[in-house]
Every structure is written in structure tokens, then in C-alpha cells.
Amino acid sequence: MPLILAVMSSAAPAAGSPWRGAAELWAYGTWAEVRDEAPINPGNRIAQIPETRYVADLRAELRGDFDRVHLYLAPRWVGEQQHLAGRDDQGESHLRLRQGFVRVDDGANSWLIGRERLTWGPANFRSPSNPYYFDPGRVDPLASTHGIDLARMTHATGDWRLTGAYVRGTREVPSAGPSRRSALLKLDHQGEAHLVSGIVMWPGASDDWAQRTPFLGAFGQHVVDDAWLLYWELGSGAPSGELALSDPPRRRASASRQNVVLVGGSYTRLDGHVVYLEYLHDEGGFDDDERRRYRQLANSAADRLDRGDGGGAQTLGVLLGAAPRLLGRHYLWAGWQSNPQVTRHLWRAELTVNLDDGSARTLLYGEKSLADTLSGFAGLTWHSGSDDTDFGMLTRAQLSLGIKWFAF
């Protein structure tokens, strides 16, 4: 039976001490039902998705506040054991820094250097306006999002805020693409009932920014009343690479600009429950012809692999590894969560639908306090759709059960 055990602790600072510390330990296991008959992953030989995983995940943080100078460190150690059918169990461990920076606040100005999680925008499913965190991890209740290496300065005046940053690397954020340098400008306007932001990012080294395609993004949110919040996000840029559906398929550089748009809203009920609905259009996904071609190449490569042709495995690896970050172009995401202020019990339900092929992902998550420092939770993810669809091609289901123990 999968088990997730979380131990959280927080060290209260001594009287007058500028230091605060906290730590949490997750020890958990997960079970996944792999769809190993899928053409893209026959016998689970390509994706090699573990059927069971046992993980020890230690997350800590240390803060130091010295007048205008603020220090923050958030290391993370992960030890993992995996089991795949027909293979010996594999184990590994690593220590990484989730965030770690020095920030200096001086009136209207703020300077920061180090590793910071630079997320923004109101969307949950994806964040099109962010060139680094397209998937900010907001739909995964167990996610831990790492930061990027940068130096930034923010200046605030009245309702306006301007941020400039130089990004040294993005190696801890897989969805950010290659670990490369970039420059960023972000302008925000905060009103009583709205927030609007514009973003410009130039990828690449400083000596070739003029030859690179800049990323352009924007987002906005508007408070209609106490119950309704409307929002939108958009992004436009050239990906670092794309999948060429030739025979054999290959990864090629791309200079074409692709646009992503998300519109959504949330409604807060009188009982504090929040309902979300978002629609996303991504030009980087497959259209109907490309989706059919992708399936044809996968079926052909799977047949070659069954006949003992090693080239079939190589082709499937390219098709899986170089595929767009979202296979479709049209997605609908709906979410419903309990009142976040009621901590004795929390629950959320989510549905993501690929409107192009009809496949879907359903997430059910619940957490309930069992004692003052103890709570239990369960999470179930179910994928529907045939074995050649976006959500149906790799796994059918994943289950997590666990306990959290809080100590202060």
C-alpha cells in the first residue's frame, strides 16, 4: 500500500534573534498503473515509468532578517528507490538548493542575488506569461518548485513596479528549457481591483541578444466583486527546439514564434469553497494532421521494435522526448477546492481535458486533521482516453496515501 509520511518542524527563534528555521520530511511511496501496451511506450521500454516509488524528501529553510538585509536558504535532499517490472530496483539520492538568495531592501528599491522561484500570474493549469515556469506546479499537491539563478532589481513607485533581472541559469527547472542566460524586464500596475503586468525576456548570451527572438508575455486579473475574479495570461516566443515529424523524426531548431493564451476565472462561494475554470490555447501543440502523423510514426516504430529492429526504440525515444510540452492545442481545466481557511480538513478536485483528442486527467485529493499535530491524506489521479491520446498514452492511474505529522 503506498504510504506518504510527512514530518514538519519549525524552530522558533530565540527572543530578539534574527534567525528562523523550518524543516519538513516526506517519506512516501506511490503506485502507478502503467499503460505498457501503448504504441509510444510498448512494454514500458521507452518511458520506463516506475510502478512503485519510495522516497525520502527532506526540505528545510533558514531565514535571517537584519534590518534591510534578508538571507534565505532552502536546501532539499531526496533519496529514492524505484521498482520496474523485470528490472532490479534502482536507488539514488541527491542534494539540491531549492532557493538561496540575499535580498537588500532600501525604500522603493530591492536588490536580490542568488536562486529564486520567480513565479507570477493568476493561472493554475499553466502560466503562459512566464518564460521560465510554464508549468508552475500549482495543480500538483505534492510539487516542490525550484528556483532559477539570477540577479534582479525591483523599483516601486506609486501603483507601478519595475523589475529587471539577469538570469544566469535555469538548470533546476526542467520546463524552462535549456540552461541558458537571459535578460528580463517586467512592469506591473497595481490598482484597487486589478493587477496588470507586461514581460519581455531576451534569451541567450549578451553578445547575441539582437539575433534572438524575444519572449513577450502579459497577464491581468480583475476583482469583479467579493465572489468573482477574472484573469488572463498570454505569452509569445520561439521555443528552443521542436519535433520534426519526418521519417525518421528528429529534433530541430525553431525560429518560428508561437503564441499561448489562457483565460479563466474563479468564484468563491459563501462557504469559502472556490471554483475555477480555465481555457488554454497553445500554438505549440499538434494540429489534427500533425497528431495523425505522430500516431503513424509511433505505430510504425512500435512494429519495428516488435520485430527486433533497434531503430524502432530510437525513433520512439525521439517522439517521446522531443514532443511538444503540451501535445494538444486546446485544453480545459476545472478545479474545485474547499475553504483554505478551514485547516481541519482540505480537499480539491480537478479535471483537465484535451479538447482535441478527448482524453482527460482527473485528480482527487483530500486531507483531514486526525489530531493537533497529525493529519491523513489521499490522492488519486486517473487518466482516460485511448492509448494513443495525450493523457491516455502512458499511465491509467496513480494512487498516494499518507500521513502528515506537524511538530512546532
Protein backbone atom coordinates (compact mmCIF):
# COMPACT_ATOMS: atom_id res chain seq x y z
CA MET A 1 0.00 0.00 0.00
CA PRO A 2 1.52 3.35 -0.98
CA LEU A 3 2.37 5.47 2.01
CA ILE A 4 3.40 9.09 2.29
CA LEU A 5 4.67 10.27 5.65
CA ALA A 6 5.50 13.92 6.21
CA VAL A 7 7.22 15.25 9.29
CA MET A 8 7.31 19.04 9.56
CA SER A 9 9.16 21.01 12.16
CA SER A 10 9.77 24.68 12.75
CA ALA A 11 12.40 26.10 15.03
CA ALA A 12 11.09 29.18 16.83
CA PRO A 13 13.70 31.94 17.02
CA ALA A 14 15.08 32.96 20.36
CA ALA A 15 13.87 36.29 21.70
CA GLY A 16 15.46 39.02 19.63
CA SER A 17 17.10 36.56 17.22
CA PRO A 18 17.01 37.46 13.51
CA TRP A 19 17.04 33.76 12.53
CA ARG A 20 14.09 31.48 11.83
CA GLY A 21 14.24 27.89 10.67
CA ALA A 22 11.87 25.20 9.48
CA ALA A 23 12.10 21.70 8.05
CA GLU A 24 9.79 19.04 6.69
CA LEU A 25 10.48 15.41 5.93
CA TRP A 26 8.37 13.44 3.47
CA ALA A 27 8.77 9.67 3.38
CA TYR A 28 6.37 8.25 0.82
CA GLY A 29 5.58 5.62 -1.72
CA THR A 30 3.45 5.80 -4.84
CA TRP A 31 1.86 3.22 -7.12
CA ALA A 32 1.22 3.72 -10.82
CA GLU A 33 -0.66 1.55 -13.33
CA VAL A 34 1.45 1.82 -16.47
CA ARG A 35 -0.22 1.53 -19.86
CA ASP A 36 2.55 -0.56 -21.37
CA GLU A 37 0.54 -1.61 -24.44
CA ALA A 38 0.61 1.95 -25.78
CA PRO A 39 2.42 2.31 -29.13
CA ILE A 40 4.60 5.15 -27.82
CA ASN A 41 5.80 3.03 -24.86
CA PRO A 42 5.49 -0.70 -25.65
CA GLY A 43 6.27 -2.80 -22.61
CA ASN A 44 7.29 0.36 -20.76
CA ARG A 45 10.66 0.03 -22.51
CA ILE A 46 10.86 3.67 -23.64
CA ALA A 47 9.50 5.87 -20.84
CA GLN A 48 10.49 3.35 -18.12
CA ILE A 49 7.90 4.67 -15.67
CA PRO A 50 8.40 3.16 -12.18
CA GLU A 51 5.44 1.13 -10.96
CA THR A 52 6.33 1.85 -7.34
CA ARG A 53 8.48 4.60 -5.84
CA TYR A 54 9.67 5.05 -2.27
CA VAL A 55 11.04 8.46 -1.47
CA ALA A 56 12.56 10.29 1.48
CA ASP A 57 12.30 14.01 0.82
CA LEU A 58 13.85 16.43 3.31
CA ARG A 59 13.01 20.10 2.75
CA ALA A 60 14.47 22.75 5.04
CA GLU A 61 14.63 26.52 5.14
CA LEU A 62 16.57 29.12 7.09
CA ARG A 63 15.76 32.83 7.18
CA GLY A 64 17.78 35.70 8.56
CA ASP A 65 16.39 39.25 8.72
CA PHE A 66 18.88 42.02 9.50
CA ASP A 67 17.17 45.38 9.04
CA ARG A 68 17.46 45.89 5.27
CA VAL A 69 19.35 42.66 4.52
CA HIS A 70 17.47 39.36 4.25
CA LEU A 71 19.01 35.90 3.82
CA TYR A 72 17.12 32.81 2.71
CA LEU A 73 18.29 29.21 2.20
CA ALA A 74 16.05 26.30 1.24
CA PRO A 75 18.01 23.07 0.61
CA ARG A 76 16.34 19.81 -0.35
CA TRP A 77 17.65 16.25 -0.04
CA VAL A 78 15.87 13.42 -1.87
CA GLY A 79 16.56 9.70 -1.57
CA GLU A 80 14.56 7.46 -3.91
CA GLN A 81 14.03 3.76 -4.58
CA GLN A 82 12.23 2.67 -7.76
CA HIS A 83 10.81 -0.62 -8.98
CA LEU A 84 10.10 -1.51 -12.61
CA ALA A 85 8.81 -4.93 -13.67
CA GLY A 86 11.60 -7.12 -15.00
CA ARG A 87 14.37 -4.88 -13.64
CA ASP A 88 16.42 -4.69 -10.49
CA ASP A 89 15.34 -1.98 -8.06
CA GLN A 90 17.25 1.25 -8.54
CA GLY A 91 18.12 3.78 -5.87
CA GLU A 92 19.65 7.23 -5.92
CA SER A 93 19.92 10.34 -3.79
CA HIS A 94 20.81 13.97 -4.38
CA LEU A 95 21.11 17.25 -2.51
CA ARG A 96 19.96 20.43 -4.22
CA LEU A 97 19.20 24.02 -3.33
CA ARG A 98 15.56 24.89 -3.98
CA GLN A 99 16.15 28.58 -3.23
CA GLY A 100 19.00 30.56 -1.75
CA PHE A 101 19.49 34.30 -2.01
CA VAL A 102 20.48 37.56 -0.39
CA ARG A 103 17.99 40.43 -0.71
CA VAL A 104 18.58 44.07 0.22
CA ASP A 105 15.55 46.35 0.63
CA ASP A 106 16.13 50.08 0.54
CA GLY A 107 12.91 52.07 0.44
CA ALA A 108 11.42 51.81 -3.02
CA ASN A 109 14.25 49.60 -4.30
CA SER A 110 15.02 45.93 -3.75
CA TRP A 111 18.12 44.05 -4.92
CA LEU A 112 18.46 40.25 -4.94
CA ILE A 113 21.15 37.79 -6.00
CA GLY A 114 21.03 34.00 -5.79
CA ARG A 115 18.48 31.32 -6.65
CA GLU A 116 14.84 32.42 -6.51
CA ARG A 117 11.49 30.92 -7.53
CA LEU A 118 10.38 33.62 -9.98
CA THR A 119 6.71 32.76 -10.50
CA TRP A 120 3.84 35.14 -11.13
CA GLY A 121 0.40 35.31 -12.70
CA PRO A 122 -3.06 34.11 -11.55
CA ALA A 123 -3.42 30.95 -13.69
CA ASN A 124 -3.32 27.45 -12.21
CA PHE A 125 -3.12 24.96 -15.10
CA ARG A 126 -0.25 26.65 -16.94
CA SER A 127 1.39 30.08 -16.84
CA PRO A 128 1.83 31.29 -20.45
CA SER A 129 3.19 34.70 -19.37
CA ASN A 130 6.23 33.15 -17.65
CA PRO A 131 9.14 32.06 -19.91
CA TYR A 132 10.70 30.03 -17.09
CA TYR A 133 7.75 28.40 -15.30
CA PHE A 134 5.22 27.43 -17.97
CA ASP A 135 4.15 24.69 -15.53
CA PRO A 136 4.35 26.34 -12.09
CA GLY A 137 3.29 23.14 -10.28
CA ARG A 138 0.05 24.57 -8.92
CA VAL A 139 -2.06 21.58 -9.98
CA ASP A 140 0.19 19.07 -8.19
CA PRO A 141 -0.42 18.99 -4.40
CA LEU A 142 2.96 17.31 -3.81
CA ALA A 143 5.09 19.52 -6.07
CA SER A 144 8.23 21.37 -4.96
CA THR A 145 9.20 24.06 -7.45
CA HIS A 146 12.88 25.05 -7.56
CA GLY A 147 14.29 28.47 -8.33
CA ILE A 148 16.49 29.90 -11.08
CA ASP A 149 19.90 31.56 -10.72
CA LEU A 150 19.64 35.31 -11.20
CA ALA A 151 20.37 38.85 -10.10
CA ARG A 152 17.44 41.25 -10.09
CA MET A 153 16.40 44.73 -9.05
CA THR A 154 12.86 45.96 -8.39
CA HIS A 155 11.82 49.61 -8.16
CA ALA A 156 8.34 50.57 -6.89
CA THR A 157 6.71 53.97 -7.20
CA GLY A 158 3.05 54.61 -6.56
CA ASP A 159 0.96 51.97 -8.35
CA TRP A 160 3.85 50.91 -10.58
CA ARG A 161 6.63 48.37 -10.09
CA LEU A 162 9.51 47.72 -12.50
CA THR A 163 11.72 44.62 -12.27
CA GLY A 164 14.89 43.98 -14.24
CA ALA A 165 16.81 40.69 -13.99
CA TYR A 166 19.77 38.86 -15.45
CA VAL A 167 19.22 35.08 -15.38
CA ARG A 168 22.41 33.02 -15.22
CA GLY A 169 20.87 29.55 -15.44
CA THR A 170 17.66 27.51 -15.26
CA ARG A 171 19.10 24.02 -14.72
CA GLU A 172 16.81 23.21 -11.76
CA VAL A 173 13.63 23.95 -13.73
CA PRO A 174 13.16 21.33 -16.50
CA SER A 175 10.16 23.12 -18.04
CA ALA A 176 12.31 26.23 -18.60
CA GLY A 177 14.19 24.55 -21.44
CA PRO A 178 17.97 24.60 -21.83
CA SER A 179 20.04 26.13 -19.03
CA ARG A 180 20.88 29.40 -20.70
CA ARG A 181 21.36 33.05 -19.88
CA SER A 182 18.66 35.64 -20.45
CA ALA A 183 17.62 39.17 -19.57
CA LEU A 184 14.18 40.04 -18.22
CA LEU A 185 12.06 43.18 -17.81
CA LYS A 186 8.70 43.12 -16.02
CA LEU A 187 6.35 46.08 -15.45
CA ASP A 188 3.38 45.84 -13.05
CA HIS A 189 0.49 48.17 -12.37
CA GLN A 190 -1.48 47.50 -9.19
CA GLY A 191 -4.90 49.11 -8.77
CA GLU A 192 -7.60 48.71 -6.16
CA ALA A 193 -9.34 45.96 -8.12
CA HIS A 194 -6.83 44.94 -10.77
CA LEU A 195 -3.24 43.90 -11.48
CA VAL A 196 -1.77 44.08 -15.00
CA SER A 197 1.78 43.08 -15.96
CA GLY A 198 3.92 43.05 -19.08
CA ILE A 199 7.03 40.88 -19.54
CA VAL A 200 9.91 40.91 -22.04
CA MET A 201 12.67 38.27 -21.97
CA TRP A 202 15.71 38.11 -24.27
CA PRO A 203 17.22 34.58 -24.38
CA GLY A 204 20.87 33.83 -24.97
CA ALA A 205 24.21 35.43 -24.19
CA SER A 206 24.61 39.21 -24.12
CA ASP A 207 26.58 39.24 -27.40
CA ASP A 208 23.76 37.74 -29.49
CA TRP A 209 20.56 39.12 -27.93
CA ALA A 210 19.90 41.14 -31.10
CA GLN A 211 19.78 37.87 -33.12
CA ARG A 212 17.42 36.08 -30.68
CA THR A 213 13.63 36.10 -30.76
CA PRO A 214 12.45 37.84 -27.57
CA PHE A 215 9.70 36.35 -25.44
CA LEU A 216 6.71 38.64 -24.87
CA GLY A 217 4.22 38.00 -22.09
CA ALA A 218 1.44 39.68 -20.16
CA PHE A 219 -1.21 38.86 -17.59
CA GLY A 220 -4.05 40.60 -15.84
CA GLN A 221 -6.57 39.93 -13.11
CA HIS A 222 -9.69 41.88 -12.17
CA VAL A 223 -11.70 41.60 -8.96
CA VAL A 224 -15.34 41.92 -10.03
CA ASP A 225 -16.74 41.64 -6.50
CA ASP A 226 -16.20 39.62 -3.33
CA ALA A 227 -17.03 36.40 -5.19
CA TRP A 228 -15.71 36.76 -8.74
CA LEU A 229 -12.14 37.05 -10.03
CA LEU A 230 -11.44 37.13 -13.78
CA TYR A 231 -7.95 36.72 -15.23
CA TRP A 232 -5.93 36.06 -18.35
CA GLU A 233 -2.35 35.27 -19.38
CA LEU A 234 -0.57 35.24 -22.72
CA GLY A 235 2.90 34.51 -24.00
CA SER A 236 4.63 34.67 -27.38
CA GLY A 237 8.07 33.31 -28.16
CA ALA A 238 10.16 30.86 -30.16
CA PRO A 239 10.89 27.53 -28.43
CA SER A 240 14.48 26.32 -28.21
CA GLY A 241 13.60 23.33 -30.38
CA GLU A 242 10.72 21.42 -31.90
CA LEU A 243 9.90 17.95 -33.19
CA ALA A 244 10.12 17.49 -36.95
CA LEU A 245 7.65 14.75 -37.93
CA SER A 246 9.84 13.42 -40.73
CA ASP A 247 10.79 9.76 -41.21
CA PRO A 248 12.81 9.32 -39.11
CA PRO A 249 11.64 12.09 -36.75
CA ARG A 250 14.24 14.48 -35.39
CA ARG A 251 14.60 17.49 -33.12
CA ARG A 252 15.33 20.71 -34.94
CA ALA A 253 15.92 24.33 -34.03
CA SER A 254 12.90 26.58 -34.28
CA ALA A 255 12.77 30.30 -35.03
CA SER A 256 9.02 30.50 -35.55
CA ARG A 257 7.03 32.43 -32.95
CA GLN A 258 4.32 30.52 -31.09
CA ASN A 259 1.52 32.08 -29.05
CA VAL A 260 -0.17 30.74 -25.92
CA VAL A 261 -3.31 32.27 -24.39
CA LEU A 262 -5.17 31.39 -21.20
CA VAL A 263 -8.41 32.90 -19.92
CA GLY A 264 -10.05 31.95 -16.65
CA GLY A 265 -12.00 32.90 -13.61
CA SER A 266 -12.74 31.85 -10.06
CA TYR A 267 -15.87 32.02 -7.94
CA THR A 268 -15.73 31.96 -4.13
CA ARG A 269 -18.89 30.58 -2.55
CA LEU A 270 -20.40 31.72 0.74
CA ASP A 271 -18.98 28.62 2.45
CA GLY A 272 -15.48 29.57 1.28
CA HIS A 273 -15.21 26.90 -1.43
CA VAL A 274 -13.52 28.13 -4.62
CA VAL A 275 -14.44 27.00 -8.13
CA TYR A 276 -12.04 27.61 -11.05
CA LEU A 277 -12.40 27.33 -14.81
CA GLU A 278 -9.62 27.94 -17.34
CA TYR A 279 -9.23 27.55 -21.10
CA LEU A 280 -5.80 27.40 -22.77
CA HIS A 281 -4.85 27.62 -26.44
CA ASP A 282 -1.27 26.66 -27.31
CA GLU A 283 0.02 27.04 -30.88
CA GLY A 284 2.98 24.83 -29.96
CA GLY A 285 0.82 21.71 -29.76
CA PHE A 286 -0.14 19.40 -32.62
CA ASP A 287 -2.91 20.23 -35.06
CA ASP A 288 -5.08 17.42 -36.48
CA ASP A 289 -2.68 16.49 -39.30
CA GLU A 290 0.37 16.55 -37.02
CA ARG A 291 -1.42 14.43 -34.42
CA ARG A 292 -2.25 11.78 -37.06
CA ARG A 293 1.34 11.84 -38.32
CA TYR A 294 2.65 11.46 -34.77
CA ARG A 295 0.45 8.38 -34.24
CA GLN A 296 1.54 6.86 -37.55
CA LEU A 297 5.23 7.27 -36.70
CA ALA A 298 4.68 5.80 -33.22
CA ASN A 299 2.77 2.77 -34.56
CA SER A 300 5.37 2.15 -37.24
CA ALA A 301 8.26 2.39 -34.76
CA ALA A 302 6.46 0.08 -32.30
CA ASP A 303 6.04 -2.53 -35.06
CA ARG A 304 9.75 -2.29 -35.88
CA LEU A 305 10.61 -2.73 -32.21
CA ASP A 306 8.45 -5.87 -32.02
CA ARG A 307 10.38 -7.29 -34.98
CA GLY A 308 13.67 -6.74 -33.14
CA ASP A 309 14.71 -3.60 -35.01
CA GLY A 310 16.62 -1.41 -32.53
CA GLY A 311 15.92 1.64 -34.67
CA GLY A 312 12.31 1.46 -33.52
CA ALA A 313 13.33 2.17 -29.94
CA GLN A 314 15.43 5.12 -31.05
CA THR A 315 12.53 6.58 -33.02
CA LEU A 316 10.12 6.17 -30.10
CA GLY A 317 12.65 7.85 -27.82
CA VAL A 318 12.78 10.89 -30.11
CA LEU A 319 8.99 11.01 -30.43
CA LEU A 320 8.55 10.89 -26.67
CA GLY A 321 11.47 13.09 -25.61
CA ALA A 322 11.14 15.83 -28.24
CA ALA A 323 7.33 16.08 -28.20
CA PRO A 324 5.73 19.47 -27.50
CA ARG A 325 5.28 20.36 -23.81
CA LEU A 326 1.53 20.01 -24.43
CA LEU A 327 0.53 17.61 -27.21
CA GLY A 328 -2.75 19.39 -27.96
CA ARG A 329 -3.70 22.95 -28.76
CA HIS A 330 -6.94 23.32 -26.81
CA TYR A 331 -7.31 22.49 -23.10
CA LEU A 332 -9.99 23.00 -20.49
CA TRP A 333 -9.10 22.88 -16.78
CA ALA A 334 -11.66 22.96 -13.97
CA GLY A 335 -10.96 22.91 -10.24
CA TRP A 336 -12.96 22.93 -7.02
CA GLN A 337 -11.34 23.25 -3.61
CA SER A 338 -12.59 23.53 -0.06
CA ASN A 339 -12.26 26.65 2.07
CA PRO A 340 -8.47 27.09 2.51
CA GLN A 341 -9.09 28.84 5.85
CA VAL A 342 -10.56 25.64 7.35
CA THR A 343 -7.38 23.67 8.04
CA ARG A 344 -9.08 20.78 9.87
CA HIS A 345 -9.99 19.34 6.50
CA LEU A 346 -8.96 20.25 2.97
CA TRP A 347 -9.92 18.76 -0.37
CA ARG A 348 -9.66 19.55 -4.04
CA ALA A 349 -10.90 18.07 -7.30
CA GLU A 350 -9.51 18.86 -10.76
CA LEU A 351 -10.35 17.88 -14.31
CA THR A 352 -8.09 18.59 -17.30
CA VAL A 353 -9.43 17.83 -20.79
CA ASN A 354 -7.56 17.84 -24.08
CA LEU A 355 -10.31 19.17 -26.33
CA ASP A 356 -8.52 17.93 -29.47
CA ASP A 357 -8.48 14.20 -28.71
CA GLY A 358 -10.96 13.98 -25.81
CA SER A 359 -8.53 12.49 -23.28
CA ALA A 360 -8.66 13.72 -19.69
CA ARG A 361 -6.87 13.75 -16.35
CA THR A 362 -8.86 13.67 -13.10
CA LEU A 363 -7.30 14.45 -9.73
CA LEU A 364 -8.96 13.90 -6.34
CA TYR A 365 -7.10 14.95 -3.21
CA GLY A 366 -8.20 15.14 0.41
CA GLU A 367 -6.54 15.87 3.74
CA LYS A 368 -8.09 15.65 7.19
CA SER A 369 -6.72 16.51 10.62
CA LEU A 370 -6.64 13.46 12.91
CA ALA A 371 -5.10 15.21 15.92
CA ASP A 372 -3.45 18.53 16.74
CA THR A 373 -0.21 17.51 15.01
CA LEU A 374 -1.42 14.68 12.79
CA SER A 375 -3.38 14.55 9.55
CA GLY A 376 -4.02 11.97 6.88
CA PHE A 377 -4.42 12.45 3.17
CA ALA A 378 -5.15 10.57 -0.04
CA GLY A 379 -4.62 11.44 -3.68
CA LEU A 380 -5.85 9.67 -6.81
CA THR A 381 -5.03 10.60 -10.41
CA TRP A 382 -6.98 8.91 -13.21
CA HIS A 383 -6.21 9.19 -16.92
CA SER A 384 -8.91 8.49 -19.50
CA GLY A 385 -8.58 8.13 -23.26
CA SER A 386 -7.25 5.55 -25.69
CA ASP A 387 -3.59 4.52 -25.69
CA ASP A 388 -2.71 6.95 -28.49
CA THR A 389 -4.13 10.08 -26.82
CA ASP A 390 -2.44 12.79 -24.78
CA PHE A 391 -3.49 11.68 -21.30
CA GLY A 392 -4.07 8.00 -22.12
CA MET A 393 -0.77 7.01 -23.66
CA LEU A 394 1.42 6.39 -20.60
CA THR A 395 -0.48 5.62 -17.38
CA ARG A 396 -4.02 4.80 -16.29
CA ALA A 397 -3.86 5.77 -12.62
CA GLN A 398 -1.65 6.77 -9.72
CA LEU A 399 -2.52 6.45 -6.05
CA SER A 400 -0.96 8.03 -2.96
CA LEU A 401 -1.98 7.57 0.66
CA GLY A 402 -0.26 9.12 3.62
CA ILE A 403 0.07 10.82 6.96
CA LYS A 404 1.50 14.20 7.91
CA TRP A 405 2.88 14.91 11.34
CA PHE A 406 3.44 18.55 12.28
CA ALA A 407 5.79 19.46 15.13
CA PHE A 408 6.47 23.08 16.17
